[in-house]
All heavy atoms as atom14 arrays in JSON, in Angstrom:
{
  "sequence": "STSTTISQTVADDSVSLQADIFPATVGNNSIHLYAYTLDNKPLP",
  "atom14_mask": [
    [1, 1, 1, 1, 1, 1, 0, 0, 0, 0, 0, 0, 0, 0],
    [1, 1, 1, 1, 1, 1, 1, 0, 0, 0, 0, 0, 0, 0],
    [1, 1, 1, 1, 1, 1, 0, 0, 0, 0, 0, 0, 0, 0],
    [1, 1, 1, 1, 1, 1, 1, 0, 0, 0, 0, 0, 0, 0],
    [1, 1, 1, 1, 1, 1, 1, 0, 0, 0, 0, 0, 0, 0],
    [1, 1, 1, 1, 1, 1, 1, 1, 0, 0, 0, 0, 0, 0],
    [1, 1, 1, 1, 1, 1, 0, 0, 0, 0, 0, 0, 0, 0],
    [1, 1, 1, 1, 1, 1, 1, 1, 1, 0, 0, 0, 0, 0],
    [1, 1, 1, 1, 1, 1, 1, 0, 0, 0, 0, 0, 0, 0],
    [1, 1, 1, 1, 1, 1, 1, 0, 0, 0, 0, 0, 0, 0],
    [1, 1, 1, 1, 1, 0, 0, 0, 0, 0, 0, 0, 0, 0],
    [1, 1, 1, 1, 1, 1, 1, 1, 0, 0, 0, 0, 0, 0],
    [1, 1, 1, 1, 1, 1, 1, 1, 0, 0, 0, 0, 0, 0],
    [1, 1, 1, 1, 1, 1, 0, 0, 0, 0, 0, 0, 0, 0],
    [1, 1, 1, 1, 1, 1, 1, 0, 0, 0, 0, 0, 0, 0],
    [1, 1, 1, 1, 1, 1, 0, 0, 0, 0, 0, 0, 0, 0],
    [1, 1, 1, 1, 1, 1, 1, 1, 0, 0, 0, 0, 0, 0],
    [1, 1, 1, 1, 1, 1, 1, 1, 1, 0, 0, 0, 0, 0],
    [1, 1, 1, 1, 1, 0, 0, 0, 0, 0, 0, 0, 0, 0],
    [1, 1, 1, 1, 1, 1, 1, 1, 0, 0, 0, 0, 0, 0],
    [1, 1, 1, 1, 1, 1, 1, 1, 0, 0, 0, 0, 0, 0],
    [1, 1, 1, 1, 1, 1, 1, 1, 1, 1, 1, 0, 0, 0],
    [1, 1, 1, 1, 1, 1, 1, 0, 0, 0, 0, 0, 0, 0],
    [1, 1, 1, 1, 1, 0, 0, 0, 0, 0, 0, 0, 0, 0],
    [1, 1, 1, 1, 1, 1, 1, 0, 0, 0, 0, 0, 0, 0],
    [1, 1, 1, 1, 1, 1, 1, 0, 0, 0, 0, 0, 0, 0],
    [1, 1, 1, 1, 0, 0, 0, 0, 0, 0, 0, 0, 0, 0],
    [1, 1, 1, 1, 1, 1, 1, 1, 0, 0, 0, 0, 0, 0],
    [1, 1, 1, 1, 1, 1, 1, 1, 0, 0, 0, 0, 0, 0],
    [1, 1, 1, 1, 1, 1, 0, 0, 0, 0, 0, 0, 0, 0],
    [1, 1, 1, 1, 1, 1, 1, 1, 0, 0, 0, 0, 0, 0],
    [1, 1, 1, 1, 1, 1, 1, 1, 1, 1, 0, 0, 0, 0],
    [1, 1, 1, 1, 1, 1, 1, 1, 0, 0, 0, 0, 0, 0],
    [1, 1, 1, 1, 1, 1, 1, 1, 1, 1, 1, 1, 0, 0],
    [1, 1, 1, 1, 1, 0, 0, 0, 0, 0, 0, 0, 0, 0],
    [1, 1, 1, 1, 1, 1, 1, 1, 1, 1, 1, 1, 0, 0],
    [1, 1, 1, 1, 1, 1, 1, 0, 0, 0, 0, 0, 0, 0],
    [1, 1, 1, 1, 1, 1, 1, 1, 0, 0, 0, 0, 0, 0],
    [1, 1, 1, 1, 1, 1, 1, 1, 0, 0, 0, 0, 0, 0],
    [1, 1, 1, 1, 1, 1, 1, 1, 0, 0, 0, 0, 0, 0],
    [1, 1, 1, 1, 1, 1, 1, 1, 1, 0, 0, 0, 0, 0],
    [1, 1, 1, 1, 1, 1, 1, 0, 0, 0, 0, 0, 0, 0],
    [1, 1, 1, 1, 1, 1, 1, 1, 0, 0, 0, 0, 0, 0],
    [1, 1, 1, 1, 1, 1, 1, 0, 0, 0, 0, 0, 0, 0]
  ],
  "atom14_positions": [
    [[0.81, -1.21, 0.0], [0.0, 0.0, 0.0], [0.85, 1.27, 0.0], [0.43, 2.31, -0.5], [-0.94, 0.02, 1.21], [-0.2, 0.07, 2.41], [0.0, 0.0, 0.0], [0.0, 0.0, 0.0], [0.0, 0.0, 0.0], [0.0, 0.0, 0.0], [0.0, 0.0, 0.0], [0.0, 0.0, 0.0], [0.0, 0.0, 0.0], [0.0, 0.0, 0.0]],
    [[2.06, 1.2, 0.54], [2.91, 2.39, 0.57], [3.71, 2.56, -0.72], [4.21, 3.64, -0.99], [3.89, 2.32, 1.76], [4.65, 1.1, 1.68], [3.14, 2.34, 3.07], [0.0, 0.0, 0.0], [0.0, 0.0, 0.0], [0.0, 0.0, 0.0], [0.0, 0.0, 0.0], [0.0, 0.0, 0.0], [0.0, 0.0, 0.0], [0.0, 0.0, 0.0]],
    [[3.84, 1.48, -1.49], [4.54, 1.58, -2.76], [3.53, 2.0, -3.82], [3.02, 1.19, -4.59], [5.18, 0.23, -3.13], [6.15, -0.12, -2.19], [0.0, 0.0, 0.0], [0.0, 0.0, 0.0], [0.0, 0.0, 0.0], [0.0, 0.0, 0.0], [0.0, 0.0, 0.0], [0.0, 0.0, 0.0], [0.0, 0.0, 0.0], [0.0, 0.0, 0.0]],
    [[3.2, 3.29, -3.87], [2.14, 3.78, -4.73], [2.71, 4.58, -5.88], [3.86, 5.0, -5.88], [1.17, 4.67, -3.93], [1.91, 5.73, -3.35], [0.49, 3.86, -2.83], [0.0, 0.0, 0.0], [0.0, 0.0, 0.0], [0.0, 0.0, 0.0], [0.0, 0.0, 0.0], [0.0, 0.0, 0.0], [0.0, 0.0, 0.0], [0.0, 0.0, 0.0]],
    [[1.84, 4.78, -6.87], [2.17, 5.63, -8.0], [1.44, 6.95, -7.85], [0.23, 6.98, -7.64], [1.75, 4.95, -9.32], [2.49, 3.75, -9.49], [2.0, 5.88, -10.5], [0.0, 0.0, 0.0], [0.0, 0.0, 0.0], [0.0, 0.0, 0.0], [0.0, 0.0, 0.0], [0.0, 0.0, 0.0], [0.0, 0.0, 0.0], [0.0, 0.0, 0.0]],
    [[2.18, 8.04, -7.92], [1.56, 9.37, -7.94], [1.2, 9.68, -9.39], [2.05, 9.68, -10.28], [2.5, 10.43, -7.37], [2.69, 10.22, -5.87], [1.95, 11.83, -7.64], [3.63, 11.21, -5.24], [0.0, 0.0, 0.0], [0.0, 0.0, 0.0], [0.0, 0.0, 0.0], [0.0, 0.0, 0.0], [0.0, 0.0, 0.0], [0.0, 0.0, 0.0]],
    [[-0.08, 9.94, -9.63], [-0.54, 10.24, -10.98], [-1.27, 11.58, -10.96], [-2.26, 11.74, -10.24], [-1.47, 9.14, -11.49], [-1.87, 9.38, -12.82], [0.0, 0.0, 0.0], [0.0, 0.0, 0.0], [0.0, 0.0, 0.0], [0.0, 0.0, 0.0], [0.0, 0.0, 0.0], [0.0, 0.0, 0.0], [0.0, 0.0, 0.0], [0.0, 0.0, 0.0]],
    [[-0.74, 12.55, -11.72], [-1.37, 13.87, -11.77], [-1.48, 14.33, -13.23], [-0.68, 13.93, -14.09], [-0.55, 14.9, -10.99], [-0.52, 14.69, -9.5], [0.17, 15.86, -8.79], [0.19, 16.99, -9.29], [0.74, 15.57, -7.63], [0.0, 0.0, 0.0], [0.0, 0.0, 0.0], [0.0, 0.0, 0.0], [0.0, 0.0, 0.0], [0.0, 0.0, 0.0]],
    [[-2.49, 15.15, -13.48], [-2.68, 15.73, -14.81], [-2.6, 17.26, -14.69], [-3.31, 17.86, -13.87], [-4.03, 15.33, -15.41], [-4.07, 13.91, -15.54], [-4.22, 15.97, -16.78], [0.0, 0.0, 0.0], [0.0, 0.0, 0.0], [0.0, 0.0, 0.0], [0.0, 0.0, 0.0], [0.0, 0.0, 0.0], [0.0, 0.0, 0.0], [0.0, 0.0, 0.0]],
    [[-1.72, 17.85, -15.45], [-1.58, 19.31, -15.5], [-1.83, 19.76, -16.93], [-1.56, 19.01, -17.89], [-0.19, 19.75, -15.02], [-0.04, 19.53, -13.53], [0.92, 19.02, -15.77], [0.0, 0.0, 0.0], [0.0, 0.0, 0.0], [0.0, 0.0, 0.0], [0.0, 0.0, 0.0], [0.0, 0.0, 0.0], [0.0, 0.0, 0.0], [0.0, 0.0, 0.0]],
    [[-2.36, 20.96, -17.1], [-2.74, 21.41, -18.44], [-2.58, 22.92, -18.57], [-2.57, 23.67, -17.56], [-4.18, 20.99, -18.75], [0.0, 0.0, 0.0], [0.0, 0.0, 0.0], [0.0, 0.0, 0.0], [0.0, 0.0, 0.0], [0.0, 0.0, 0.0], [0.0, 0.0, 0.0], [0.0, 0.0, 0.0], [0.0, 0.0, 0.0], [0.0, 0.0, 0.0]],
    [[-2.46, 23.36, -19.81], [-2.54, 24.78, -20.13], [-3.57, 24.95, -21.24], [-4.45, 24.1, -21.4], [-1.16, 25.35, -20.5], [-0.56, 24.69, -21.72], [-1.28, 23.91, -22.4], [0.62, 24.95, -22.03], [0.0, 0.0, 0.0], [0.0, 0.0, 0.0], [0.0, 0.0, 0.0], [0.0, 0.0, 0.0], [0.0, 0.0, 0.0], [0.0, 0.0, 0.0]],
    [[-3.45, 25.98, -22.04], [-4.47, 26.24, -23.06], [-4.41, 25.29, -24.23], [-5.36, 25.2, -25.01], [-4.32, 27.69, -23.58], [-4.63, 28.72, -22.5], [-5.35, 28.35, -21.55], [-4.15, 29.87, -22.62], [0.0, 0.0, 0.0], [0.0, 0.0, 0.0], [0.0, 0.0, 0.0], [0.0, 0.0, 0.0], [0.0, 0.0, 0.0], [0.0, 0.0, 0.0]],
    [[-3.3, 24.53, -24.36], [-3.16, 23.69, -25.56], [-2.78, 22.24, -25.28], [-2.95, 21.38, -26.12], [-2.12, 24.29, -26.5], [-0.86, 24.42, -25.84], [0.0, 0.0, 0.0], [0.0, 0.0, 0.0], [0.0, 0.0, 0.0], [0.0, 0.0, 0.0], [0.0, 0.0, 0.0], [0.0, 0.0, 0.0], [0.0, 0.0, 0.0], [0.0, 0.0, 0.0]],
    [[-2.26, 21.94, -24.09], [-1.75, 20.6, -23.79], [-2.29, 20.12, -22.44], [-2.36, 20.91, -21.48], [-0.21, 20.57, -23.76], [0.3, 19.19, -23.37], [0.36, 20.99, -25.09], [0.0, 0.0, 0.0], [0.0, 0.0, 0.0], [0.0, 0.0, 0.0], [0.0, 0.0, 0.0], [0.0, 0.0, 0.0], [0.0, 0.0, 0.0], [0.0, 0.0, 0.0]],
    [[-2.67, 18.85, -22.4], [-3.0, 18.17, -21.14], [-1.95, 17.09, -20.93], [-1.81, 16.19, -21.78], [-4.39, 17.57, -21.2], [-4.67, 16.85, -20.0], [0.0, 0.0, 0.0], [0.0, 0.0, 0.0], [0.0, 0.0, 0.0], [0.0, 0.0, 0.0], [0.0, 0.0, 0.0], [0.0, 0.0, 0.0], [0.0, 0.0, 0.0], [0.0, 0.0, 0.0]],
    [[-1.19, 17.19, -19.84], [-0.07, 16.28, -19.6], [-0.33, 15.44, -18.36], [-0.57, 15.98, -17.28], [1.23, 17.06, -19.44], [2.5, 16.23, -19.24], [2.85, 15.49, -20.53], [3.65, 17.11, -18.81], [0.0, 0.0, 0.0], [0.0, 0.0, 0.0], [0.0, 0.0, 0.0], [0.0, 0.0, 0.0], [0.0, 0.0, 0.0], [0.0, 0.0, 0.0]],
    [[-0.3, 14.11, -18.53], [-0.41, 13.2, -17.38], [0.98, 12.73, -17.01], [1.74, 12.26, -17.86], [-1.29, 12.0, -17.72], [-1.37, 11.0, -16.57], [-1.95, 9.66, -17.0], [-2.8, 9.61, -17.87], [-1.47, 8.58, -16.4], [0.0, 0.0, 0.0], [0.0, 0.0, 0.0], [0.0, 0.0, 0.0], [0.0, 0.0, 0.0], [0.0, 0.0, 0.0]],
    [[1.31, 12.86, -15.71], [2.62, 12.44, -15.2], [2.42, 11.38, -14.11], [1.68, 11.62, -13.15], [3.4, 13.62, -14.64], [0.0, 0.0, 0.0], [0.0, 0.0, 0.0], [0.0, 0.0, 0.0], [0.0, 0.0, 0.0], [0.0, 0.0, 0.0], [0.0, 0.0, 0.0], [0.0, 0.0, 0.0], [0.0, 0.0, 0.0], [0.0, 0.0, 0.0]],
    [[3.06, 10.22, -14.29], [3.02, 9.13, -13.3], [4.41, 8.95, -12.72], [5.39, 8.78, -13.47], [2.57, 7.81, -13.94], [1.13, 7.88, -14.45], [0.39, 8.77, -13.99], [0.77, 7.06, -15.32], [0.0, 0.0, 0.0], [0.0, 0.0, 0.0], [0.0, 0.0, 0.0], [0.0, 0.0, 0.0], [0.0, 0.0, 0.0], [0.0, 0.0, 0.0]],
    [[4.53, 8.99, -11.38], [5.82, 8.82, -10.7], [5.72, 7.6, -9.8], [4.82, 7.51, -8.94], [6.17, 10.06, -9.86], [6.17, 11.32, -10.74], [7.52, 9.88, -9.17], [6.33, 12.6, -9.96], [0.0, 0.0, 0.0], [0.0, 0.0, 0.0], [0.0, 0.0, 0.0], [0.0, 0.0, 0.0], [0.0, 0.0, 0.0], [0.0, 0.0, 0.0]],
    [[6.62, 6.66, -9.99], [6.6, 5.4, -9.23], [8.01, 5.07, -8.75], [8.96, 5.19, -9.51], [6.06, 4.26, -10.09], [6.07, 2.93, -9.41], [5.03, 2.57, -8.57], [7.11, 2.03, -9.59], [5.03, 1.35, -7.92], [7.13, 0.81, -8.94], [6.08, 0.47, -8.11], [0.0, 0.0, 0.0], [0.0, 0.0, 0.0], [0.0, 0.0, 0.0]],
    [[8.19, 4.64, -7.47], [7.18, 4.42, -6.42], [6.98, 5.63, -5.52], [6.41, 5.49, -4.45], [7.77, 3.26, -5.64], [9.25, 3.48, -5.71], [9.51, 4.09, -7.06], [0.0, 0.0, 0.0], [0.0, 0.0, 0.0], [0.0, 0.0, 0.0], [0.0, 0.0, 0.0], [0.0, 0.0, 0.0], [0.0, 0.0, 0.0], [0.0, 0.0, 0.0]],
    [[7.45, 6.78, -5.93], [7.28, 8.02, -5.15], [7.94, 7.93, -3.78], [7.4, 8.4, -2.79], [5.8, 8.37, -5.01], [0.0, 0.0, 0.0], [0.0, 0.0, 0.0], [0.0, 0.0, 0.0], [0.0, 0.0, 0.0], [0.0, 0.0, 0.0], [0.0, 0.0, 0.0], [0.0, 0.0, 0.0], [0.0, 0.0, 0.0], [0.0, 0.0, 0.0]],
    [[9.09, 7.32, -3.71], [9.86, 7.21, -2.48], [11.3, 7.64, -2.76], [11.72, 7.75, -3.92], [9.85, 5.77, -1.95], [10.39, 4.88, -2.95], [8.44, 5.32, -1.59], [0.0, 0.0, 0.0], [0.0, 0.0, 0.0], [0.0, 0.0, 0.0], [0.0, 0.0, 0.0], [0.0, 0.0, 0.0], [0.0, 0.0, 0.0], [0.0, 0.0, 0.0]],
    [[12.05, 7.88, -1.69], [13.46, 8.25, -1.84], [14.21, 7.13, -2.56], [14.04, 5.95, -2.23], [14.09, 8.54, -0.46], [15.58, 8.75, -0.6], [13.41, 9.74, 0.19], [0.0, 0.0, 0.0], [0.0, 0.0, 0.0], [0.0, 0.0, 0.0], [0.0, 0.0, 0.0], [0.0, 0.0, 0.0], [0.0, 0.0, 0.0], [0.0, 0.0, 0.0]],
    [[15.0, 7.5, -3.53], [15.74, 6.52, -4.31], [15.33, 6.6, -5.77], [14.84, 7.63, -6.25], [0.0, 0.0, 0.0], [0.0, 0.0, 0.0], [0.0, 0.0, 0.0], [0.0, 0.0, 0.0], [0.0, 0.0, 0.0], [0.0, 0.0, 0.0], [0.0, 0.0, 0.0], [0.0, 0.0, 0.0], [0.0, 0.0, 0.0], [0.0, 0.0, 0.0]],
    [[15.52, 5.51, -6.48], [15.22, 5.49, -7.91], [13.71, 5.55, -8.15], [12.93, 4.84, -7.51], [15.79, 4.23, -8.56], [17.31, 4.24, -8.6], [17.92, 5.31, -8.71], [17.93, 3.08, -8.51], [0.0, 0.0, 0.0], [0.0, 0.0, 0.0], [0.0, 0.0, 0.0], [0.0, 0.0, 0.0], [0.0, 0.0, 0.0], [0.0, 0.0, 0.0]],
    [[13.31, 6.39, -9.09], [11.91, 6.54, -9.46], [11.79, 6.58, -10.98], [12.68, 7.07, -11.68], [11.33, 7.84, -8.9], [11.02, 7.75, -7.41], [9.89, 7.52, -7.02], [12.04, 7.93, -6.57], [0.0, 0.0, 0.0], [0.0, 0.0, 0.0], [0.0, 0.0, 0.0], [0.0, 0.0, 0.0], [0.0, 0.0, 0.0], [0.0, 0.0, 0.0]],
    [[10.67, 6.04, -11.45], [10.35, 6.09, -12.88], [9.27, 7.13, -13.11], [8.32, 7.24, -12.32], [9.87, 4.72, -13.38], [10.9, 3.77, -13.29], [0.0, 0.0, 0.0], [0.0, 0.0, 0.0], [0.0, 0.0, 0.0], [0.0, 0.0, 0.0], [0.0, 0.0, 0.0], [0.0, 0.0, 0.0], [0.0, 0.0, 0.0], [0.0, 0.0, 0.0]],
    [[9.42, 7.87, -14.19], [8.44, 8.9, -14.55], [7.91, 8.6, -15.95], [8.7, 8.44, -16.9], [9.07, 10.31, -14.53], [9.57, 10.64, -13.11], [8.05, 11.36, -14.99], [10.25, 11.99, -13.01], [0.0, 0.0, 0.0], [0.0, 0.0, 0.0], [0.0, 0.0, 0.0], [0.0, 0.0, 0.0], [0.0, 0.0, 0.0], [0.0, 0.0, 0.0]],
    [[6.59, 8.49, -16.07], [5.93, 8.29, -17.36], [5.13, 9.55, -17.69], [4.37, 10.04, -16.84], [5.01, 7.07, -17.33], [5.74, 5.77, -17.35], [5.86, 5.0, -18.48], [6.42, 5.11, -16.38], [6.56, 3.91, -18.21], [6.92, 3.96, -16.93], [0.0, 0.0, 0.0], [0.0, 0.0, 0.0], [0.0, 0.0, 0.0], [0.0, 0.0, 0.0]],
    [[5.29, 10.06, -18.89], [4.58, 11.26, -19.34], [3.72, 10.92, -20.55], [4.17, 10.25, -21.49], [5.58, 12.36, -19.71], [6.55, 12.8, -18.6], [7.54, 13.83, -19.15], [5.79, 13.38, -17.42], [0.0, 0.0, 0.0], [0.0, 0.0, 0.0], [0.0, 0.0, 0.0], [0.0, 0.0, 0.0], [0.0, 0.0, 0.0], [0.0, 0.0, 0.0]],
    [[2.45, 11.39, -20.54], [1.51, 11.17, -21.63], [0.92, 12.52, -22.02], [0.41, 13.27, -21.15], [0.38, 10.24, -21.21], [0.84, 8.9, -20.67], [1.03, 8.72, -19.3], [1.09, 7.83, -21.52], [1.45, 7.51, -18.79], [1.51, 6.6, -21.02], [1.7, 6.45, -19.65], [2.11, 5.25, -19.15], [0.0, 0.0, 0.0], [0.0, 0.0, 0.0]],
    [[0.98, 12.87, -23.29], [0.47, 14.15, -23.78], [-0.85, 13.94, -24.52], [-0.97, 13.04, -25.37], [1.49, 14.81, -24.69], [0.0, 0.0, 0.0], [0.0, 0.0, 0.0], [0.0, 0.0, 0.0], [0.0, 0.0, 0.0], [0.0, 0.0, 0.0], [0.0, 0.0, 0.0], [0.0, 0.0, 0.0], [0.0, 0.0, 0.0], [0.0, 0.0, 0.0]],
    [[-1.83, 14.78, -24.18], [-3.14, 14.71, -24.82], [-3.58, 16.11, -25.2], [-3.13, 17.12, -24.63], [-4.19, 14.11, -23.87], [-3.9, 12.7, -23.43], [-3.25, 12.46, -22.22], [-4.25, 11.61, -24.22], [-2.99, 11.17, -21.79], [-3.99, 10.32, -23.8], [-3.36, 10.1, -22.6], [-3.09, 8.83, -22.19], [0.0, 0.0, 0.0], [0.0, 0.0, 0.0]],
    [[-4.51, 16.15, -26.14], [-5.18, 17.42, -26.43], [-6.18, 17.68, -25.31], [-6.43, 16.81, -24.46], [-5.89, 17.35, -27.78], [-6.91, 16.34, -27.73], [-4.91, 17.03, -28.9], [0.0, 0.0, 0.0], [0.0, 0.0, 0.0], [0.0, 0.0, 0.0], [0.0, 0.0, 0.0], [0.0, 0.0, 0.0], [0.0, 0.0, 0.0], [0.0, 0.0, 0.0]],
    [[-6.79, 18.84, -25.33], [-7.74, 19.17, -24.27], [-9.0, 18.33, -24.34], [-9.74, 18.24, -23.35], [-8.1, 20.67, -24.35], [-6.93, 21.63, -24.1], [-7.41, 23.06, -24.14], [-6.23, 21.33, -22.78], [0.0, 0.0, 0.0], [0.0, 0.0, 0.0], [0.0, 0.0, 0.0], [0.0, 0.0, 0.0], [0.0, 0.0, 0.0], [0.0, 0.0, 0.0]],
    [[-9.25, 17.68, -25.49], [-10.4, 16.78, -25.58], [-9.98, 15.3, -25.45], [-10.64, 14.4, -25.96], [-11.18, 17.0, -26.88], [-10.29, 16.86, -28.11], [-9.06, 16.65, -27.94], [-10.81, 16.95, -29.24], [0.0, 0.0, 0.0], [0.0, 0.0, 0.0], [0.0, 0.0, 0.0], [0.0, 0.0, 0.0], [0.0, 0.0, 0.0], [0.0, 0.0, 0.0]],
    [[-8.82, 15.08, -24.77], [-8.34, 13.74, -24.42], [-7.98, 12.86, -25.61], [-8.16, 11.64, -25.58], [-9.38, 13.01, -23.55], [-9.39, 13.5, -22.14], [-8.35, 13.89, -21.6], [-10.56, 13.52, -21.52], [0.0, 0.0, 0.0], [0.0, 0.0, 0.0], [0.0, 0.0, 0.0], [0.0, 0.0, 0.0], [0.0, 0.0, 0.0], [0.0, 0.0, 0.0]],
    [[-7.4, 13.46, -26.64], [-6.87, 12.68, -27.75], [-5.35, 12.73, -27.7], [-4.78, 13.75, -27.31], [-7.38, 13.23, -29.09], [-8.88, 13.07, -29.28], [-9.32, 13.62, -30.62], [-10.83, 13.45, -30.8], [-11.31, 14.01, -32.11], [0.0, 0.0, 0.0], [0.0, 0.0, 0.0], [0.0, 0.0, 0.0], [0.0, 0.0, 0.0], [0.0, 0.0, 0.0]],
    [[-4.65, 11.62, -28.07], [-3.19, 11.63, -28.04], [-2.61, 12.8, -28.86], [-3.06, 13.07, -29.98], [-2.82, 10.28, -28.65], [-4.01, 9.42, -28.38], [-5.2, 10.32, -28.49], [0.0, 0.0, 0.0], [0.0, 0.0, 0.0], [0.0, 0.0, 0.0], [0.0, 0.0, 0.0], [0.0, 0.0, 0.0], [0.0, 0.0, 0.0], [0.0, 0.0, 0.0]],
    [[-1.61, 13.47, -28.27], [-0.99, 14.63, -28.91], [0.47, 14.31, -29.21], [1.27, 14.1, -28.28], [-1.08, 15.85, -27.99], [-0.42, 17.14, -28.48], [-1.11, 17.65, -29.74], [-0.43, 18.2, -27.38], [0.0, 0.0, 0.0], [0.0, 0.0, 0.0], [0.0, 0.0, 0.0], [0.0, 0.0, 0.0], [0.0, 0.0, 0.0], [0.0, 0.0, 0.0]],
    [[0.86, 14.26, -30.49], [2.27, 13.98, -30.83], [3.19, 15.07, -30.27], [2.88, 16.26, -30.34], [2.28, 13.98, -32.36], [0.85, 13.68, -32.75], [0.01, 14.34, -31.7], [0.0, 0.0, 0.0], [0.0, 0.0, 0.0], [0.0, 0.0, 0.0], [0.0, 0.0, 0.0], [0.0, 0.0, 0.0], [0.0, 0.0, 0.0], [0.0, 0.0, 0.0]]
  ]
}
């Protein structure tokens, strides 16, 4: 339960960015980034 993934979505006027950080603890962490349009379509 403590080894969790922090998942947040931040956006501006043109991009919606989802960021996942795992395991969100001191030490090595992996970060996954996903870009979408404001209507939730994949954005190159």
